N, C-alpha and C. Protein backbone atom coordinates (compact mmCIF):
# COMPACT_ATOMS: atom_id res chain seq x y z
N UNK A 1 123.26 114.50 172.51
CA UNK A 1 124.11 115.11 171.57
C UNK A 1 124.79 116.51 172.11
N UNK A 2 125.71 115.71 171.71
CA UNK A 2 126.80 117.55 172.24
C UNK A 2 126.58 118.77 171.77
N UNK A 3 126.32 119.89 172.05
CA UNK A 3 126.02 121.21 171.34
C UNK A 3 127.20 121.21 170.78
N UNK A 4 127.14 121.90 169.58
CA UNK A 4 128.32 122.95 169.16
C UNK A 4 129.16 124.22 169.25
N UNK A 5 129.39 124.54 169.88
CA UNK A 5 129.93 126.19 170.10
C UNK A 5 130.31 126.87 168.65
N UNK A 6 129.32 128.42 169.08
CA UNK A 6 129.87 128.93 167.84
C UNK A 6 131.21 130.27 168.75
N UNK A 7 131.33 130.07 167.85
CA UNK A 7 132.80 131.18 168.52
C UNK A 7 132.36 132.75 168.20
N UNK A 8 132.62 133.60 169.51
CA UNK A 8 131.66 134.88 169.83
C UNK A 8 133.18 135.88 169.72
N UNK A 9 133.01 137.00 169.50
CA UNK A 9 133.90 138.12 169.51
C UNK A 9 134.14 138.49 170.45
N UNK A 10 135.16 138.71 171.76
CA UNK A 10 135.46 138.56 172.66
C UNK A 10 134.79 139.78 173.25
N UNK A 11 134.56 141.18 172.51
CA UNK A 11 133.76 142.06 173.38
C UNK A 11 132.06 141.51 173.88
N UNK A 12 131.83 140.86 172.99
CA UNK A 12 130.48 140.15 173.20
C UNK A 12 130.61 138.93 174.49
N UNK A 13 132.09 138.62 174.18
CA UNK A 13 131.81 137.63 175.52
C UNK A 13 131.66 138.38 177.22
N UNK A 14 132.45 139.20 176.53
CA UNK A 14 133.04 140.41 178.07
C UNK A 14 131.72 140.61 178.60
N UNK A 15 130.52 140.96 177.51
CA UNK A 15 129.53 141.62 178.02
C UNK A 15 128.40 140.93 178.73
N UNK A 16 128.62 138.98 177.86
CA UNK A 16 127.89 138.37 178.38
C UNK A 16 128.31 137.98 180.19
N UNK A 17 129.14 138.03 180.39
CA UNK A 17 130.27 137.96 181.83
C UNK A 17 129.96 138.95 182.54
N UNK A 18 129.78 140.44 182.15
CA UNK A 18 129.30 140.78 182.89
C UNK A 18 127.26 141.17 183.40
N UNK A 19 127.09 140.57 182.31
CA UNK A 19 125.58 140.33 182.87
C UNK A 19 125.02 139.57 183.89
N UNK A 20 126.69 138.50 184.83
CA UNK A 20 126.47 138.48 185.73
C UNK A 20 126.72 139.07 187.31
N UNK A 21 127.20 139.75 187.07
CA UNK A 21 127.58 140.74 187.64
C UNK A 21 126.80 140.85 188.83
N UNK A 22 127.50 140.56 190.12
CA UNK A 22 127.21 141.17 191.55
C UNK A 22 127.49 142.43 192.09
N UNK A 23 126.53 143.17 193.10
CA UNK A 23 127.01 143.95 193.57
C UNK A 23 126.53 143.92 194.60
N UNK A 24 127.11 144.96 195.98
CA UNK A 24 126.28 144.19 197.18
C UNK A 24 127.37 145.29 198.98
N UNK A 25 127.49 145.39 199.66
CA UNK A 25 128.45 145.38 200.48
C UNK A 25 129.01 144.69 201.25
N UNK A 26 130.34 144.97 201.32
CA UNK A 26 130.92 144.31 202.06
C UNK A 26 131.05 144.12 203.68
N UNK A 27 131.01 142.59 204.01
CA UNK A 27 130.90 142.04 205.36
C UNK A 27 131.86 141.17 205.55
N UNK A 28 132.56 140.40 206.55
CA UNK A 28 133.26 139.50 207.12
C UNK A 28 132.10 138.58 207.34
N UNK A 29 132.27 137.37 207.21
CA UNK A 29 131.36 136.16 207.53
C UNK A 29 132.76 135.14 207.58
N UNK A 30 132.03 134.41 208.51
CA UNK A 30 132.53 132.71 208.92
C UNK A 30 132.87 131.95 207.70
N UNK A 31 133.35 131.35 206.86
CA UNK A 31 133.26 130.70 205.86
C UNK A 31 132.33 129.65 206.30
N UNK A 32 132.12 129.25 206.85
CA UNK A 32 130.68 128.19 207.37
C UNK A 32 129.75 128.85 206.66
N UNK A 33 129.69 130.33 206.51
CA UNK A 33 128.28 130.97 206.88
C UNK A 33 128.58 131.37 205.38
N UNK A 34 128.90 131.56 204.42
CA UNK A 34 129.53 131.56 203.39
C UNK A 34 128.93 131.26 201.55
N UNK A 35 128.26 130.23 201.75
CA UNK A 35 126.84 129.88 201.36
C UNK A 35 126.38 130.87 200.43
N UNK A 36 126.09 131.16 199.25
CA UNK A 36 125.55 131.94 198.59
C UNK A 36 125.76 132.99 198.26
N UNK A 37 127.00 133.23 198.86
CA UNK A 37 127.66 135.25 199.08
C UNK A 37 128.43 134.40 197.63
N UNK A 38 129.16 136.04 197.49
CA UNK A 38 130.11 135.96 196.56
C UNK A 38 131.37 137.21 197.53
N UNK A 39 132.61 136.59 196.35
CA UNK A 39 133.55 137.61 197.03
C UNK A 39 133.97 138.93 197.15
N UNK A 40 134.64 140.18 197.83
CA UNK A 40 134.39 141.56 197.32
C UNK A 40 135.50 141.78 196.45
N UNK A 41 136.24 141.21 196.33
CA UNK A 41 137.58 141.51 195.61
C UNK A 41 138.09 140.20 195.30
N UNK A 42 139.37 140.61 194.43
CA UNK A 42 140.09 139.98 193.43
C UNK A 42 140.72 138.80 195.30
N UNK A 43 141.33 137.04 194.44
CA UNK A 43 141.33 136.53 195.41
C UNK A 43 143.35 136.69 194.32
N UNK A 44 144.30 136.79 195.39
CA UNK A 44 145.12 137.16 194.76
C UNK A 44 146.55 135.67 195.10
N UNK A 45 146.81 134.38 194.47
CA UNK A 45 148.17 133.32 194.94
C UNK A 45 149.40 134.19 195.65
N UNK A 46 149.71 133.86 196.01
CA UNK A 46 151.43 134.66 196.69
C UNK A 46 152.22 134.58 195.63
N UNK A 47 152.35 132.84 194.75
CA UNK A 47 153.38 132.64 194.50
C UNK A 47 152.49 131.39 193.57
N UNK A 48 153.20 131.27 192.06
CA UNK A 48 153.31 129.93 191.29
C UNK A 48 152.84 129.03 191.68
N UNK A 49 151.65 127.79 190.88
CA UNK A 49 151.58 126.81 191.20
C UNK A 49 151.21 125.81 189.56
N UNK A 50 151.93 125.00 189.22
CA UNK A 50 153.32 125.01 189.69
C UNK A 50 154.34 126.32 190.03
N UNK A 51 155.47 125.40 190.37
CA UNK A 51 156.41 126.86 190.31
C UNK A 51 157.74 126.43 188.87
N UNK A 52 156.75 126.45 187.39
CA UNK A 52 157.48 126.32 186.69
C UNK A 52 156.64 126.66 185.39
N UNK A 53 157.28 127.13 184.22
CA UNK A 53 155.91 127.12 183.16
C UNK A 53 155.82 126.25 182.35
N UNK A 54 154.60 126.23 182.45
CA UNK A 54 153.78 124.50 181.98
C UNK A 54 153.99 124.94 180.44
N UNK A 55 153.79 125.79 179.96
CA UNK A 55 153.05 125.92 178.23
C UNK A 55 153.75 125.34 177.46
N UNK A 56 155.22 124.46 177.48
CA UNK A 56 155.71 123.88 176.63
C UNK A 56 154.66 122.30 176.22
N UNK A 57 154.15 121.94 177.42
CA UNK A 57 152.97 121.04 177.73
C UNK A 57 151.39 121.25 177.23
N UNK A 58 151.28 122.57 177.77
CA UNK A 58 149.62 122.73 177.50
C UNK A 58 149.50 122.89 176.41
N UNK A 59 150.13 124.14 175.76
CA UNK A 59 150.35 124.18 174.49
C UNK A 59 150.08 125.98 174.06
N UNK A 60 149.33 126.03 172.62
CA UNK A 60 148.82 126.97 172.46
C UNK A 60 148.02 126.73 170.87
N UNK A 61 146.75 127.50 171.13
CA UNK A 61 145.69 127.09 169.88
C UNK A 61 145.76 128.76 169.45
N UNK A 62 145.98 128.37 167.69
CA UNK A 62 145.56 129.54 167.11
C UNK A 62 144.95 128.78 165.33
N UNK A 63 144.10 129.97 165.06
CA UNK A 63 143.75 129.63 164.08
C UNK A 63 144.60 130.29 162.30
N UNK A 64 144.58 129.87 161.91
CA UNK A 64 145.28 130.58 160.57
C UNK A 64 144.97 131.92 159.94
N UNK A 65 143.72 131.91 160.56
CA UNK A 65 142.89 133.52 160.00
C UNK A 65 142.65 134.39 160.77
N UNK A 66 143.32 133.72 162.00
CA UNK A 66 143.73 135.11 163.20
C UNK A 66 145.03 135.40 163.32
N UNK A 67 145.45 134.72 162.09
CA UNK A 67 147.01 135.58 162.17
C UNK A 67 147.18 136.40 161.11
N UNK A 68 148.61 137.16 161.04
CA UNK A 68 148.97 137.95 159.77
C UNK A 68 149.02 137.14 158.41
N UNK A 69 149.70 135.91 158.73
CA UNK A 69 150.61 135.21 157.78
C UNK A 69 149.47 133.86 157.53
N UNK A 70 148.56 133.90 157.33
CA UNK A 70 147.50 132.83 156.38
C UNK A 70 148.08 131.86 156.10
N UNK A 71 148.69 132.31 154.74
CA UNK A 71 149.17 131.85 153.89
C UNK A 71 150.21 130.41 153.76
N UNK A 72 151.14 130.70 154.91
CA UNK A 72 151.65 130.14 155.44
C UNK A 72 151.34 128.71 156.11
N UNK A 73 152.33 127.89 156.38
CA UNK A 73 151.72 126.08 156.71
C UNK A 73 151.79 125.80 158.38
N UNK A 74 152.58 127.14 159.08
CA UNK A 74 153.15 126.82 159.95
C UNK A 74 153.19 128.51 161.09
N UNK A 75 153.10 128.32 162.20
CA UNK A 75 153.41 129.66 162.62
C UNK A 75 154.55 129.35 164.27
N UNK A 76 155.59 130.57 164.13
CA UNK A 76 155.80 130.54 164.83
C UNK A 76 155.96 131.34 166.25
N UNK A 77 156.18 131.20 167.38
CA UNK A 77 155.79 131.64 168.62
C UNK A 77 157.32 132.03 168.96
N UNK A 78 157.14 133.34 169.68
CA UNK A 78 158.62 133.54 170.33
C UNK A 78 158.01 133.41 172.04
N UNK A 79 158.16 132.12 172.71
CA UNK A 79 158.48 132.71 173.89
C UNK A 79 159.52 131.87 174.29
N UNK A 80 159.49 131.37 176.03
CA UNK A 80 160.83 131.11 176.44
C UNK A 80 161.66 130.18 175.46
N UNK A 81 160.52 129.33 174.61
CA UNK A 81 160.59 128.69 173.59
C UNK A 81 160.69 128.67 172.47
N UNK A 82 160.67 128.69 171.40
CA UNK A 82 160.56 128.41 170.07
C UNK A 82 159.52 127.61 170.21
N UNK A 83 158.13 127.84 169.80
CA UNK A 83 157.30 126.21 169.49
C UNK A 83 156.34 126.70 168.36
N UNK A 84 156.53 125.62 167.54
CA UNK A 84 156.48 125.77 166.30
C UNK A 84 154.87 125.01 165.84
N UNK A 85 153.66 125.02 165.33
CA UNK A 85 152.89 124.80 165.60
C UNK A 85 152.39 124.58 163.95
N UNK A 86 151.69 123.50 163.47
CA UNK A 86 151.36 123.35 162.97
C UNK A 86 149.95 123.24 161.95
N UNK A 87 149.57 124.00 160.88
CA UNK A 87 147.76 124.20 160.39
C UNK A 87 147.37 122.74 160.13
N UNK A 88 145.81 122.80 160.76
CA UNK A 88 145.40 121.61 159.96
C UNK A 88 145.12 121.42 158.88
N UNK A 89 145.41 120.47 158.18
CA UNK A 89 144.36 120.31 156.91
C UNK A 89 143.80 119.87 157.16
N UNK A 90 142.21 120.11 156.71
CA UNK A 90 141.22 119.86 156.89
C UNK A 90 140.64 118.58 155.40
N UNK A 91 141.08 118.34 154.17
CA UNK A 91 141.64 117.54 153.76
C UNK A 91 142.32 116.17 153.46
N UNK A 92 143.14 116.01 154.93
CA UNK A 92 144.27 115.25 154.94
C UNK A 92 144.06 114.58 156.44
N UNK A 93 144.45 113.71 156.47
CA UNK A 93 144.32 112.87 158.14
C UNK A 93 145.90 112.63 158.47
N UNK A 94 145.94 113.07 159.48
CA UNK A 94 147.76 112.60 159.42
C UNK A 94 147.63 111.58 160.23
N UNK A 95 149.08 111.05 160.03
CA UNK A 95 149.24 109.49 160.38
C UNK A 95 149.89 109.25 162.00
N UNK A 96 150.50 110.35 162.58
CA UNK A 96 150.33 110.62 163.87
C UNK A 96 149.21 112.17 164.29
N UNK A 97 149.57 111.67 165.25
CA UNK A 97 148.26 113.03 166.29
C UNK A 97 148.42 114.17 165.98
N UNK A 98 148.51 115.66 165.99
CA UNK A 98 149.28 117.08 166.31
C UNK A 98 149.96 117.07 167.42
N UNK A 99 151.13 117.22 167.50
CA UNK A 99 151.73 117.86 168.61
C UNK A 99 152.95 118.79 168.05
N UNK A 100 153.00 119.68 169.32
CA UNK A 100 154.22 121.41 169.20
C UNK A 100 155.07 120.66 169.08
N UNK A 101 156.42 121.05 168.40
CA UNK A 101 157.65 120.67 168.07
C UNK A 101 158.46 121.75 169.11
N UNK A 102 159.25 121.75 170.20
CA UNK A 102 159.31 122.23 171.04
C UNK A 102 161.22 122.24 171.08
N UNK A 103 161.76 123.15 170.55
CA UNK A 103 163.21 123.60 170.50
C UNK A 103 163.97 124.33 171.70
């Protein structure tokens, strides 16, 4: 049976991540000898992959209670495209799956 996750505050999540923080001296080793080690600095990509904005396809997830306009049935986001997300109704099952509407 799958365990249900409980949401936590961002500050608590950051503390949990920092519990696993590692410190040490910096040394250069061949990749084949790097098992069990950790990187000394961030690795940054020199270009986007993919080279286009995928957010209209990947979408966004918001809870109405996290927005200022909790009473409205839809939430509008300003992005390169306007994406309208429909609030999930707990008492009513949709006839089709929820999908973002992109203008």
